[in-house]
Amino acid sequence: MRLSFNILILLLAISLNSCLKNYDMNLQYGEKILTINAELDPNEEVKVLVALPKASNMYGNYETPSDIDVTLFEEGIIFDKLGFQSNDGEHGIYVTSKPISANKEYHIKATYKDYKIASATQRIPDHPQIENISFNKDFLNLNIEDTVSVKIELLADSIGEKYYAMINYLAIKWNNVDSMGNVIGVEEDVYRISAFDKTGGFNDYRKYWTKEILNSNIINYKLALTNTDLWKSENILSLKLIINVEEISKDAYLYRASYRKRNVDNYGEPSIVYSNIDNGIGIFSSKALVQRIIKIF
């Protein structure tokens, strides 16, 4: 029995030593890989962070050399060489002012010295085609604290494995009055409304309500509203609901889903954030947004 136990201890020691050697190798390999972070949006300028990996004791900004060769391809053809843009002369991003398009495939490649060539591919979704948005309650007859169910109907051909992210705002305009009730100006502001859905979904790092929709052209979720009695004030001039709907790529969804599970302190179980960079780390994702403004009064 003792011999068997000693053999077991020896095997565990060999196994642990092997793991440590592999871990060291991975660290050495990791020093020669690039980080690529970008989310393509046809409504915005292309901005890509390409950086050297951070050391274990490094905090703050990434190290972003200005001489990385960053090339963007569109449908397999060279689209542009991205230029380095910096505000402080030390740290920056790679950009192109050429507009990109929805429903096209883009490939990015980053080359730097003797580092491995990092690359990734992403197809931008089409802009969501919204046919109708409806609610289960009249906004003008809500309780002080209430919930409203939102139903977004997309075109019938928007069916399959789809991923969406929504954010909702109230835009309010009102008369600013003094202590005597005299109007001294007009004010306006925009407030984000919390969204939720017990059937699934989550708030991503931008506070967008994010959901996977399978074989349906319907997006359902709920809004949590508070202080709705303020809407009845005679000083309120207008009230609008703003809904931003993004169709995001599967990579974007998987990144958001894994990112929210990461530890926010130095304790607990380690977590892995999703990455789709070949020979590197980071995320190369995409989205396409549409906005609807609904006048309540």
C-alpha atoms as a PDB file:
ATOM      1  CA  MET A   1       0.000   0.000   0.000  1.00  0.00           C
ATOM      2  CA  ARG A   2       2.837   2.423   0.886  1.00  0.00           C
ATOM      3  CA  LEU A   3       4.619   1.682  -2.396  1.00  0.00           C
ATOM      4  CA  SER A   4       1.472   2.449  -4.365  1.00  0.00           C
ATOM      5  CA  PHE A   5       1.025   5.657  -2.397  1.00  0.00           C
ATOM      6  CA  ASN A   6       4.602   6.759  -3.092  1.00  0.00           C
ATOM      7  CA  ILE A   7       4.162   6.033  -6.794  1.00  0.00           C
ATOM      8  CA  LEU A   8       0.983   8.114  -6.793  1.00  0.00           C
ATOM      9  CA  ILE A   9       2.819  11.035  -5.141  1.00  0.00           C
ATOM     10  CA  LEU A  10       5.590  10.754  -7.727  1.00  0.00           C
ATOM     11  CA  LEU A  11       3.102  10.781 -10.589  1.00  0.00           C
ATOM     12  CA  LEU A  12       1.359  13.830  -9.142  1.00  0.00           C
ATOM     13  CA  ALA A  13       4.702  15.616  -8.817  1.00  0.00           C
ATOM     14  CA  ILE A  14       5.602  14.805 -12.424  1.00  0.00           C
ATOM     15  CA  SER A  15       2.177  15.950 -13.600  1.00  0.00           C
ATOM     16  CA  LEU A  16       2.403  19.213 -11.628  1.00  0.00           C
ATOM     17  CA  ASN A  17       5.908  19.889 -12.936  1.00  0.00           C
ATOM     18  CA  SER A  18       4.652  19.293 -16.477  1.00  0.00           C
ATOM     19  CA  CYS A  19       1.775  21.743 -15.947  1.00  0.00           C
ATOM     20  CA  LEU A  20       4.170  24.381 -14.611  1.00  0.00           C
ATOM     21  CA  LYS A  21       6.469  23.940 -17.598  1.00  0.00           C
ATOM     22  CA  ASN A  22       3.517  24.291 -19.970  1.00  0.00           C
ATOM     23  CA  TYR A  23       2.357  27.342 -18.056  1.00  0.00           C
ATOM     24  CA  ASP A  24       5.802  28.949 -18.419  1.00  0.00           C
ATOM     25  CA  MET A  25       5.788  28.141 -22.122  1.00  0.00           C
ATOM     26  CA  ASN A  26       2.396  29.738 -22.507  1.00  0.00           C
ATOM     27  CA  LEU A  27       3.621  32.878 -20.759  1.00  0.00           C
ATOM     28  CA  GLN A  28       6.656  33.071 -23.017  1.00  0.00           C
ATOM     29  CA  TYR A  29       4.456  32.523 -26.072  1.00  0.00           C
ATOM     30  CA  GLY A  30       2.003  35.113 -24.815  1.00  0.00           C
ATOM     31  CA  GLU A  31       4.696  37.785 -24.865  1.00  0.00           C
ATOM     32  CA  LYS A  32       4.796  37.519 -28.655  1.00  0.00           C
ATOM     33  CA  ILE A  33       1.106  37.813 -29.492  1.00  0.00           C
ATOM     34  CA  LEU A  34      -0.957  40.895 -30.259  1.00  0.00           C
ATOM     35  CA  THR A  35      -4.249  42.104 -28.843  1.00  0.00           C
ATOM     36  CA  ILE A  36      -6.954  43.248 -31.292  1.00  0.00           C
ATOM     37  CA  ASN A  37     -10.133  44.896 -30.022  1.00  0.00           C
ATOM     38  CA  ALA A  38     -12.738  46.362 -32.367  1.00  0.00           C
ATOM     39  CA  GLU A  39     -16.459  46.376 -33.055  1.00  0.00           C
ATOM     40  CA  LEU A  40     -17.448  47.215 -36.610  1.00  0.00           C
ATOM     41  CA  ASP A  41     -20.476  49.457 -37.018  1.00  0.00           C
ATOM     42  CA  PRO A  42     -21.547  50.759 -40.465  1.00  0.00           C
ATOM     43  CA  ASN A  43     -22.803  53.932 -38.758  1.00  0.00           C
ATOM     44  CA  GLU A  44     -19.400  54.753 -37.283  1.00  0.00           C
ATOM     45  CA  GLU A  45     -15.757  55.195 -38.225  1.00  0.00           C
ATOM     46  CA  VAL A  46     -13.638  52.044 -37.947  1.00  0.00           C
ATOM     47  CA  LYS A  47     -11.463  52.212 -34.817  1.00  0.00           C
ATOM     48  CA  VAL A  48      -9.215  49.298 -33.852  1.00  0.00           C
ATOM     49  CA  LEU A  49      -7.063  48.855 -30.780  1.00  0.00           C
ATOM     50  CA  VAL A  50      -3.958  46.842 -31.666  1.00  0.00           C
ATOM     51  CA  ALA A  51      -1.616  46.449 -28.717  1.00  0.00           C
ATOM     52  CA  LEU A  52       1.132  44.426 -27.117  1.00  0.00           C
ATOM     53  CA  PRO A  53       0.059  42.062 -24.329  1.00  0.00           C
ATOM     54  CA  LYS A  54       0.183  43.443 -20.819  1.00  0.00           C
ATOM     55  CA  ALA A  55       2.649  42.008 -18.332  1.00  0.00           C
ATOM     56  CA  SER A  56       1.177  40.590 -15.112  1.00  0.00           C
ATOM     57  CA  ASN A  57       2.223  43.732 -13.179  1.00  0.00           C
ATOM     58  CA  MET A  58       1.133  46.220 -15.852  1.00  0.00           C
ATOM     59  CA  TYR A  59      -1.903  48.411 -15.253  1.00  0.00           C
ATOM     60  CA  GLY A  60      -3.502  51.260 -17.141  1.00  0.00           C
ATOM     61  CA  ASN A  61      -3.148  51.878 -20.855  1.00  0.00           C
ATOM     62  CA  TYR A  62      -2.065  49.232 -23.321  1.00  0.00           C
ATOM     63  CA  GLU A  63       1.252  49.621 -25.086  1.00  0.00           C
ATOM     64  CA  THR A  64       0.248  50.550 -28.635  1.00  0.00           C
ATOM     65  CA  PRO A  65       3.187  50.885 -31.037  1.00  0.00           C
ATOM     66  CA  SER A  66       2.592  53.226 -33.976  1.00  0.00           C
ATOM     67  CA  ASP A  67       4.367  50.981 -36.508  1.00  0.00           C
ATOM     68  CA  ILE A  68       2.068  47.941 -36.527  1.00  0.00           C
ATOM     69  CA  ASP A  69       0.935  47.060 -40.056  1.00  0.00           C
ATOM     70  CA  VAL A  70      -2.871  46.866 -39.809  1.00  0.00           C
ATOM     71  CA  THR A  71      -4.784  45.946 -42.973  1.00  0.00           C
ATOM     72  CA  LEU A  72      -8.548  45.673 -43.415  1.00  0.00           C
ATOM     73  CA  PHE A  73     -10.041  43.538 -46.192  1.00  0.00           C
ATOM     74  CA  GLU A  74     -13.602  43.754 -47.539  1.00  0.00           C
ATOM     75  CA  GLU A  75     -15.011  40.600 -49.139  1.00  0.00           C
ATOM     76  CA  GLY A  76     -11.467  39.280 -49.584  1.00  0.00           C
ATOM     77  CA  ILE A  77     -10.088  42.437 -51.249  1.00  0.00           C
ATOM     78  CA  ILE A  78      -7.776  44.960 -49.570  1.00  0.00           C
ATOM     79  CA  PHE A  79      -9.996  47.733 -48.236  1.00  0.00           C
ATOM     80  CA  ASP A  80      -7.512  50.028 -46.501  1.00  0.00           C
ATOM     81  CA  LYS A  81      -4.312  50.282 -44.503  1.00  0.00           C
ATOM     82  CA  LEU A  82      -5.305  51.646 -41.114  1.00  0.00           C
ATOM     83  CA  GLY A  83      -3.430  54.688 -39.834  1.00  0.00           C
ATOM     84  CA  PHE A  84      -2.270  55.279 -36.271  1.00  0.00           C
ATOM     85  CA  GLN A  85      -4.094  58.025 -34.380  1.00  0.00           C
ATOM     86  CA  SER A  86      -2.941  59.311 -30.987  1.00  0.00           C
ATOM     87  CA  ASN A  87      -3.959  62.074 -28.614  1.00  0.00           C
ATOM     88  CA  ASP A  88      -0.904  61.939 -26.364  1.00  0.00           C
ATOM     89  CA  GLY A  89       1.822  60.758 -28.737  1.00  0.00           C
ATOM     90  CA  GLU A  90       2.235  57.483 -26.834  1.00  0.00           C
ATOM     91  CA  HIS A  91      -1.040  55.584 -26.901  1.00  0.00           C
ATOM     92  CA  GLY A  92      -3.481  55.336 -29.764  1.00  0.00           C
ATOM     93  CA  ILE A  93      -5.689  53.355 -32.075  1.00  0.00           C
ATOM     94  CA  TYR A  94      -5.713  52.415 -35.743  1.00  0.00           C
ATOM     95  CA  VAL A  95      -8.420  54.017 -37.866  1.00  0.00           C
ATOM     96  CA  THR A  96      -9.775  54.387 -41.383  1.00  0.00           C
ATOM     97  CA  SER A  97     -12.203  57.045 -42.539  1.00  0.00           C
ATOM     98  CA  LYS A  98     -13.489  54.869 -45.381  1.00  0.00           C
ATOM     99  CA  PRO A  99     -17.097  53.843 -44.701  1.00  0.00           C
ATOM    100  CA  ILE A 100     -17.904  50.178 -44.190  1.00  0.00           C
ATOM    101  CA  SER A 101     -21.206  48.511 -45.097  1.00  0.00           C
ATOM    102  CA  ALA A 102     -23.753  46.263 -43.438  1.00  0.00           C
ATOM    103  CA  ASN A 103     -24.002  42.655 -44.594  1.00  0.00           C
ATOM    104  CA  LYS A 104     -20.399  42.563 -45.819  1.00  0.00           C
ATOM    105  CA  GLU A 105     -17.497  40.463 -44.549  1.00  0.00           C
ATOM    106  CA  TYR A 106     -14.357  42.114 -43.227  1.00  0.00           C
ATOM    107  CA  HIS A 107     -11.009  40.569 -42.366  1.00  0.00           C
ATOM    108  CA  ILE A 108      -8.348  42.291 -40.304  1.00  0.00           C
ATOM    109  CA  LYS A 109      -4.649  41.407 -40.199  1.00  0.00           C
ATOM    110  CA  ALA A 110      -2.007  42.887 -37.886  1.00  0.00           C
ATOM    111  CA  THR A 111       1.733  42.348 -38.445  1.00  0.00           C
ATOM    112  CA  TYR A 112       4.454  43.534 -36.055  1.00  0.00           C
ATOM    113  CA  LYS A 113       8.151  42.596 -35.943  1.00  0.00           C
ATOM    114  CA  ASP A 114       8.593  38.919 -34.959  1.00  0.00           C
ATOM    115  CA  TYR A 115       5.147  38.659 -33.379  1.00  0.00           C
ATOM    116  CA  LYS A 116       2.711  36.148 -34.784  1.00  0.00           C
ATOM    117  CA  ILE A 117       0.396  37.647 -37.402  1.00  0.00           C
ATOM    118  CA  ALA A 118      -2.929  38.256 -35.645  1.00  0.00           C
ATOM    119  CA  SER A 119      -6.138  38.209 -37.665  1.00  0.00           C
ATOM    120  CA  ALA A 120      -9.909  37.852 -37.458  1.00  0.00           C
ATOM    121  CA  THR A 121     -12.955  37.830 -39.728  1.00  0.00           C
ATOM    122  CA  GLN A 122     -16.378  39.350 -39.164  1.00  0.00           C
ATOM    123  CA  ARG A 123     -19.555  39.794 -41.190  1.00  0.00           C
ATOM    124  CA  ILE A 124     -21.570  42.865 -40.257  1.00  0.00           C
ATOM    125  CA  PRO A 125     -25.288  42.130 -39.763  1.00  0.00           C
ATOM    126  CA  ASP A 126     -28.004  43.911 -41.726  1.00  0.00           C
ATOM    127  CA  HIS A 127     -29.747  46.800 -40.000  1.00  0.00           C
ATOM    128  CA  PRO A 128     -32.795  45.406 -38.166  1.00  0.00           C
ATOM    129  CA  GLN A 129     -35.977  45.814 -40.237  1.00  0.00           C
ATOM    130  CA  ILE A 130     -38.679  46.820 -37.739  1.00  0.00           C
ATOM    131  CA  GLU A 131     -42.305  46.466 -38.840  1.00  0.00           C
ATOM    132  CA  ASN A 132     -44.018  47.433 -35.598  1.00  0.00           C
ATOM    133  CA  ILE A 133     -43.451  48.251 -31.923  1.00  0.00           C
ATOM    134  CA  SER A 134     -46.307  47.795 -29.477  1.00  0.00           C
ATOM    135  CA  PHE A 135     -46.891  47.986 -25.717  1.00  0.00           C
ATOM    136  CA  ASN A 136     -49.287  46.265 -23.343  1.00  0.00           C
ATOM    137  CA  LYS A 137     -50.181  49.467 -21.473  1.00  0.00           C
ATOM    138  CA  ASP A 138     -50.986  53.091 -22.146  1.00  0.00           C
ATOM    139  CA  PHE A 139     -48.028  55.184 -20.972  1.00  0.00           C
ATOM    140  CA  LEU A 140     -50.354  57.959 -19.818  1.00  0.00           C
ATOM    141  CA  ASN A 141     -52.273  55.656 -17.452  1.00  0.00           C
ATOM    142  CA  LEU A 142     -49.420  54.025 -15.556  1.00  0.00           C
ATOM    143  CA  ASN A 143     -49.080  53.726 -11.803  1.00  0.00           C
ATOM    144  CA  ILE A 144     -46.308  55.674 -10.083  1.00  0.00           C
ATOM    145  CA  GLU A 145     -44.090  52.575 -10.442  1.00  0.00           C
ATOM    146  CA  ASP A 146     -45.033  50.220 -13.223  1.00  0.00           C
ATOM    147  CA  THR A 147     -43.745  47.871 -15.906  1.00  0.00           C
ATOM    148  CA  VAL A 148     -44.539  47.982 -19.600  1.00  0.00           C
ATOM    149  CA  SER A 149     -44.079  45.022 -21.936  1.00  0.00           C
ATOM    150  CA  VAL A 150     -42.451  45.861 -25.265  1.00  0.00           C
ATOM    151  CA  LYS A 151     -43.029  43.808 -28.410  1.00  0.00           C
ATOM    152  CA  ILE A 152     -40.815  44.499 -31.406  1.00  0.00           C
ATOM    153  CA  GLU A 153     -41.894  42.827 -34.642  1.00  0.00           C
ATOM    154  CA  LEU A 154     -39.236  42.424 -37.317  1.00  0.00           C
ATOM    155  CA  LEU A 155     -39.727  41.516 -40.951  1.00  0.00           C
ATOM    156  CA  ALA A 156     -40.835  37.919 -41.322  1.00  0.00           C
ATOM    157  CA  ASP A 157     -37.559  36.926 -43.010  1.00  0.00           C
ATOM    158  CA  SER A 158     -35.630  37.989 -39.888  1.00  0.00           C
ATOM    159  CA  ILE A 159     -35.878  34.451 -38.541  1.00  0.00           C
ATOM    160  CA  GLY A 160     -33.086  32.137 -37.507  1.00  0.00           C
ATOM    161  CA  GLU A 161     -30.253  32.359 -35.026  1.00  0.00           C
ATOM    162  CA  LYS A 162     -30.181  36.091 -34.310  1.00  0.00           C
ATOM    163  CA  TYR A 163     -28.764  38.257 -31.569  1.00  0.00           C
ATOM    164  CA  TYR A 164     -30.098  41.646 -30.514  1.00  0.00           C
ATOM    165  CA  ALA A 165     -29.239  44.379 -28.027  1.00  0.00           C
ATOM    166  CA  MET A 166     -31.698  47.091 -27.019  1.00  0.00           C
ATOM    167  CA  ILE A 167     -31.438  50.255 -24.968  1.00  0.00           C
ATOM    168  CA  ASN A 168     -34.350  52.545 -24.084  1.00  0.00           C
ATOM    169  CA  TYR A 169     -34.558  56.208 -23.143  1.00  0.00           C
ATOM    170  CA  LEU A 170     -37.179  58.751 -22.193  1.00  0.00           C
ATOM    171  CA  ALA A 171     -36.687  62.185 -23.731  1.00  0.00           C
ATOM    172  CA  ILE A 172     -38.484  64.823 -21.674  1.00  0.00           C
ATOM    173  CA  LYS A 173     -38.932  68.535 -22.401  1.00  0.00           C
ATOM    174  CA  TRP A 174     -40.403  70.845 -19.778  1.00  0.00           C
ATOM    175  CA  ASN A 175     -40.853  74.476 -18.772  1.00  0.00           C
ATOM    176  CA  ASN A 176     -38.457  75.578 -16.060  1.00  0.00           C
ATOM    177  CA  VAL A 177     -40.365  77.849 -13.671  1.00  0.00           C
ATOM    178  CA  ASP A 178     -39.312  80.052 -10.784  1.00  0.00           C
ATOM    179  CA  SER A 179     -40.836  80.098  -7.289  1.00  0.00           C
ATOM    180  CA  MET A 180     -43.598  82.363  -8.572  1.00  0.00           C
ATOM    181  CA  GLY A 181     -44.557  79.965 -11.355  1.00  0.00           C
ATOM    182  CA  ASN A 182     -43.115  82.099 -14.116  1.00  0.00           C
ATOM    183  CA  VAL A 183     -41.498  80.298 -17.028  1.00  0.00           C
ATOM    184  CA  ILE A 184     -37.800  81.152 -17.140  1.00  0.00           C
ATOM    185  CA  GLY A 185     -36.724  78.719 -19.824  1.00  0.00           C
ATOM    186  CA  VAL A 186     -37.223  75.375 -21.494  1.00  0.00           C
ATOM    187  CA  GLU A 187     -35.231  72.340 -20.334  1.00  0.00           C
ATOM    188  CA  GLU A 188     -34.834  68.918 -21.843  1.00  0.00           C
ATOM    189  CA  ASP A 189     -33.039  65.749 -20.859  1.00  0.00           C
ATOM    190  CA  VAL A 190     -32.780  62.041 -21.698  1.00  0.00           C
ATOM    191  CA  TYR A 191     -33.030  59.241 -19.128  1.00  0.00           C
ATOM    192  CA  ARG A 192     -32.178  55.585 -19.596  1.00  0.00           C
ATOM    193  CA  ILE A 193     -34.909  53.102 -18.661  1.00  0.00           C
ATOM    194  CA  SER A 194     -34.025  49.744 -17.142  1.00  0.00           C
ATOM    195  CA  ALA A 195     -35.064  46.702 -19.180  1.00  0.00           C
ATOM    196  CA  PHE A 196     -35.506  43.099 -18.103  1.00  0.00           C
ATOM    197  CA  ASP A 197     -37.032  39.808 -19.214  1.00  0.00           C
ATOM    198  CA  LYS A 198     -37.481  36.745 -17.020  1.00  0.00           C
ATOM    199  CA  THR A 199     -37.375  34.469 -20.073  1.00  0.00           C
ATOM    200  CA  GLY A 200     -33.733  35.272 -20.752  1.00  0.00           C
ATOM    201  CA  GLY A 201     -31.303  37.994 -21.692  1.00  0.00           C
ATOM    202  CA  PHE A 202     -28.832  40.137 -19.774  1.00  0.00           C
ATOM    203  CA  ASN A 203     -27.451  43.660 -19.534  1.00  0.00           C
ATOM    204  CA  ASP A 204     -24.138  43.889 -21.365  1.00  0.00           C
ATOM    205  CA  TYR A 205     -21.216  46.155 -20.446  1.00  0.00           C
ATOM    206  CA  ARG A 206     -22.957  49.115 -22.160  1.00  0.00           C
ATOM    207  CA  LYS A 207     -26.229  48.495 -20.288  1.00  0.00           C
ATOM    208  CA  TYR A 208     -27.916  47.249 -23.468  1.00  0.00           C
ATOM    209  CA  TRP A 209     -30.488  44.500 -22.870  1.00  0.00           C
ATOM    210  CA  THR A 210     -29.064  41.608 -24.897  1.00  0.00           C
ATOM    211  CA  LYS A 211     -30.932  38.512 -26.115  1.00  0.00           C
ATOM    212  CA  GLU A 212     -30.568  35.518 -28.380  1.00  0.00           C
ATOM    213  CA  ILE A 213     -33.660  35.067 -30.585  1.00  0.00           C
ATOM    214  CA  LEU A 214     -34.166  31.653 -32.193  1.00  0.00           C
ATOM    215  CA  ASN A 215     -36.606  31.010 -35.053  1.00  0.00           C
ATOM    216  CA  SER A 216     -38.710  34.079 -34.332  1.00  0.00           C
ATOM    217  CA  ASN A 217     -39.128  37.608 -35.630  1.00  0.00           C
ATOM    218  CA  ILE A 218     -40.433  38.860 -32.264  1.00  0.00           C
ATOM    219  CA  ILE A 219     -38.359  40.535 -29.557  1.00  0.00           C
ATOM    220  CA  ASN A 220     -40.057  40.749 -26.153  1.00  0.00           C
ATOM    221  CA  TYR A 221     -38.828  42.474 -23.005  1.00  0.00           C
ATOM    222  CA  LYS A 222     -40.101  44.760 -20.251  1.00  0.00           C
ATOM    223  CA  LEU A 223     -39.403  48.314 -19.140  1.00  0.00           C
ATOM    224  CA  ALA A 224     -39.241  49.256 -15.465  1.00  0.00           C
ATOM    225  CA  LEU A 225     -40.674  52.757 -15.013  1.00  0.00           C
ATOM    226  CA  THR A 226     -40.671  54.934 -11.891  1.00  0.00           C
ATOM    227  CA  ASN A 227     -42.061  58.355 -10.932  1.00  0.00           C
ATOM    228  CA  THR A 228     -44.503  58.326 -13.823  1.00  0.00           C
ATOM    229  CA  ASP A 229     -46.719  60.770 -11.918  1.00  0.00           C
ATOM    230  CA  LEU A 230     -44.211  63.458 -12.903  1.00  0.00           C
ATOM    231  CA  TRP A 231     -45.414  63.111 -16.479  1.00  0.00           C
ATOM    232  CA  LYS A 232     -48.728  64.624 -15.460  1.00  0.00           C
ATOM    233  CA  SER A 233     -47.141  67.921 -14.447  1.00  0.00           C
ATOM    234  CA  GLU A 234     -48.492  70.876 -16.399  1.00  0.00           C
ATOM    235  CA  ASN A 235     -44.889  71.956 -17.010  1.00  0.00           C
ATOM    236  CA  ILE A 236     -44.102  68.900 -19.146  1.00  0.00           C
ATOM    237  CA  LEU A 237     -44.129  69.912 -22.812  1.00  0.00           C
ATOM    238  CA  SER A 238     -43.329  66.613 -24.507  1.00  0.00           C
ATOM    239  CA  LEU A 239     -42.397  63.028 -23.727  1.00  0.00           C
ATOM    240  CA  LYS A 240     -40.798  60.588 -26.178  1.00  0.00           C
ATOM    241  CA  LEU A 241     -39.615  57.027 -25.918  1.00  0.00           C
ATOM    242  CA  ILE A 242     -36.371  56.310 -27.793  1.00  0.00           C
ATOM    243  CA  ILE A 243     -35.553  52.696 -28.608  1.00  0.00           C
ATOM    244  CA  ASN A 244     -32.202  51.690 -30.061  1.00  0.00           C
ATOM    245  CA  VAL A 245     -32.178  48.175 -31.537  1.00  0.00           C
ATOM    246  CA  GLU A 246     -28.919  46.563 -32.611  1.00  0.00           C
ATOM    247  CA  GLU A 247     -28.478  43.295 -34.404  1.00  0.00           C
ATOM    248  CA  ILE A 248     -25.131  42.028 -33.177  1.00  0.00           C
ATOM    249  CA  SER A 249     -22.972  39.226 -34.526  1.00  0.00           C
ATOM    250  CA  LYS A 250     -22.660  35.905 -32.721  1.00  0.00           C
ATOM    251  CA  ASP A 251     -19.097  36.813 -31.737  1.00  0.00           C
ATOM    252  CA  ALA A 252     -20.384  40.063 -30.207  1.00  0.00           C
ATOM    253  CA  TYR A 253     -23.013  38.135 -28.248  1.00  0.00           C
ATOM    254  CA  LEU A 254     -20.574  35.509 -26.967  1.00  0.00           C
ATOM    255  CA  TYR A 255     -18.113  38.201 -25.915  1.00  0.00           C
ATOM    256  CA  ARG A 256     -20.784  40.122 -23.988  1.00  0.00           C
ATOM    257  CA  ALA A 257     -22.091  36.943 -22.362  1.00  0.00           C
ATOM    258  CA  SER A 258     -18.632  35.918 -21.151  1.00  0.00           C
ATOM    259  CA  TYR A 259     -17.531  39.429 -20.190  1.00  0.00           C
ATOM    260  CA  ARG A 260     -20.364  39.856 -17.694  1.00  0.00           C
ATOM    261  CA  LYS A 261     -19.251  36.664 -15.877  1.00  0.00           C
ATOM    262  CA  ARG A 262     -15.734  37.896 -15.221  1.00  0.00           C
ATOM    263  CA  ASN A 263     -14.603  38.586 -11.690  1.00  0.00           C
ATOM    264  CA  VAL A 264     -14.782  42.240 -10.715  1.00  0.00           C
ATOM    265  CA  ASP A 265     -12.254  41.773  -7.902  1.00  0.00           C
ATOM    266  CA  ASN A 266      -9.173  39.632  -7.280  1.00  0.00           C
ATOM    267  CA  TYR A 267     -11.023  36.688  -5.755  1.00  0.00           C
ATOM    268  CA  GLY A 268     -13.365  33.922  -6.826  1.00  0.00           C
ATOM    269  CA  GLU A 269     -13.207  31.445  -9.667  1.00  0.00           C
ATOM    270  CA  PRO A 270     -11.189  32.563 -12.710  1.00  0.00           C
ATOM    271  CA  SER A 271     -13.228  33.248 -15.831  1.00  0.00           C
ATOM    272  CA  ILE A 272     -12.377  33.297 -19.521  1.00  0.00           C
ATOM    273  CA  VAL A 273     -13.567  36.135 -21.744  1.00  0.00           C
ATOM    274  CA  TYR A 274     -14.468  35.020 -25.262  1.00  0.00           C
ATOM    275  CA  SER A 275     -11.933  35.796 -27.994  1.00  0.00           C
ATOM    276  CA  ASN A 276     -11.995  35.185 -31.763  1.00  0.00           C
ATOM    277  CA  ILE A 277      -8.528  36.453 -32.738  1.00  0.00           C
ATOM    278  CA  ASP A 278      -6.326  33.959 -34.580  1.00  0.00           C
ATOM    279  CA  ASN A 279      -2.771  33.951 -33.152  1.00  0.00           C
ATOM    280  CA  GLY A 280      -3.746  36.680 -30.712  1.00  0.00           C
ATOM    281  CA  ILE A 281      -6.259  37.710 -28.069  1.00  0.00           C
ATOM    282  CA  GLY A 282      -9.178  40.128 -28.013  1.00  0.00           C
ATOM    283  CA  ILE A 283     -12.449  40.482 -29.879  1.00  0.00           C
ATOM    284  CA  PHE A 284     -13.363  41.494 -33.443  1.00  0.00           C
ATOM    285  CA  SER A 285     -17.146  41.833 -33.532  1.00  0.00           C
ATOM    286  CA  SER A 286     -19.875  43.784 -35.313  1.00  0.00           C
ATOM    287  CA  LYS A 287     -23.306  45.352 -34.990  1.00  0.00           C
ATOM    288  CA  ALA A 288     -25.858  47.359 -36.954  1.00  0.00           C
ATOM    289  CA  LEU A 289     -28.246  49.782 -35.267  1.00  0.00           C
ATOM    290  CA  VAL A 290     -31.607  51.353 -35.970  1.00  0.00           C
ATOM    291  CA  GLN A 291     -33.451  53.857 -33.811  1.00  0.00           C
ATOM    292  CA  ARG A 292     -37.166  54.406 -33.317  1.00  0.00           C
ATOM    293  CA  ILE A 293     -38.638  57.478 -31.600  1.00  0.00           C
ATOM    294  CA  ILE A 294     -42.174  57.080 -30.258  1.00  0.00           C
ATOM    295  CA  LYS A 295     -44.052  60.208 -29.261  1.00  0.00           C
ATOM    296  CA  ILE A 296     -46.065  59.651 -26.070  1.00  0.00           C
ATOM    297  CA  PHE A 297     -47.393  63.211 -26.057  1.00  0.00           C
END
